Amino acid sequence: MFKRVLVANRGEIAVRVIRALHELGIEAVAVYSTADADAMHVRLADRAVRIGPPPAAQSYLSIPSVIAAASTTGCDAVHPGYGFLSENDEFVRMCEDNDLVFIGPPAEVMARMGDKALAKQEMRAAGVPLVPGTEGATGPEEARTAADELGYPVLLKAAAGGGGKGMRLVTDPDDLHEAFQRAAAEAHAAFGDGTLYVEKAITPARHVEIQVLCDDHGNVLTCGERECSIQRRHQKLIEESPSPALDGELREEMEAAAERACRHIGYRNAGTFEFLVGPDGSFSFIELNARLQVEHPVTELVTGMDLVRQQVRIAAGLPLEHGGRASRSRHAIEMRINAEDPRYDFRPSPGRLVRFRPPLGPGVRVDTFVEEGTTIPPYYDSMIAKVVVLDNNRDLAIARARRALEELEIEGVPTTREVLHEILGSEQFRSGRYSTSFLDEVELSAVAT
């Protein structure tokens, strides 16, 4: 097992990883920008290294700075969390070149899966269903031809990334050219690569993902699904497990497809296969996130596993207890508390928290890095906390989730708390019959129309 691990991240995920390392008896080294000098993850770590000024490109995304911090503090390994360098294959190779174990998949696998068009080819070879669309880089004229053949609406998607960046829904042929230019420019700004491809837009659709763990001993463990269809700007707000859209047969088909894909590509460590589920129950691969997901606590609660500790154990060469399907029970819901103003299209709202009182009680978990007086800086993700609940069934979990939100006290910046409470209380969410277009279809008083 490792003696000392560098946590190459910030915010709630850095806090989460540091706690897991300490539970394993491993020293944790934090990195921080000058904007995060007083942050919780810096205080919790055994050591902390300042790596640059507030802009992420000069601190958390600076590969030489992060590698130097790990090397000079005598770390054995690096945990990337999610975001920042977590899916950067160059960073993985730099870790290997400096005798640092990267707690995640191999660089070669990450590179193949990071190219969304190439990933589709790999999934096709593994027998995983795909969304109809183009293969490889697609230019403006090829995109128009493909869209005419597929039929509108279509999605323009960045080949080099995810999270909604470089993505445009096109419903009218006359809008395709402008949408292509905007998507390519956004993709280039976000990922340094403006390459796009085209997919048929499946509507209405559910966004359902399968969590996997793979070790170096041939074990592939699938850990069930997470329903992630409540989104704004292609980014998730609420996740739950199990999904109300899946029955036992469909769930097994999706987990079996994920297992086949893992074995085909030689995947290692934790990963998430994202699928679209159509109204007819058919499912299609979207992408593989070769890292830990923001919503991993949902899976942890229903399986009773600690995914971060499993990541560390796998990276250290230890085997999983078994492969196949992880046992799971009860129902979990995660709600993302973001410093955003829903009345202004979820515009980020950085500022100082003058009050923060997290909810307590049975079946409530809060992952956060804030406390009263914490300043939410404008340079990074807007997430403040994740409130996650567990109960015996879905109805009870919804009631517990709403109670937790009612107990949450947060003042100083606009947040998503009220809109989450309203979504959970809506008839459409309670019925379980919702899709990725929920926010466009349901009128909510907490969201500007």
Foldseek 3Di string as FASTA:
>chain_A
DWAEEEELDDWLQLVVLCVLCVVVNHAYEYEDAPLCPPFQSCVSGPYYYYQYHQFCVRGSQDLVSSLVSCVVVVGQAYEHRDPRCFLPLVSCVVCVVSNHQYLFWHSVLSVQQQQQLSLVVLLVVLVAFAFDWDHDFADLVSQLVGCVVLDDFKWKAARRDDPLQLIDTDGDSVCSVVSLVRSLVRSCVVGVGSTIIMGHDFPQKWKKKWKWAAAPPGAIEIQWIKTFQADASRHGFKIKPPAPVDDPVLRVVVSVSVVSSCVSSVTHAIKMWIWIQHPVRDIHTRGIGRHDDPPCVNSCQFQVDDRSNSSVCRSVRHDDPHHDYGHGAFMKMKGWKFLFQQAVSRHHWWFAKQQWDFFDDPFKDKRATDGHGDTGDPNDGGTGIMIMGTDHYDVVNLVVVLVRLVPTDIDIGDICSVVVNQCSPDPCVVVSPDGNCRVVPDDDPRHHD
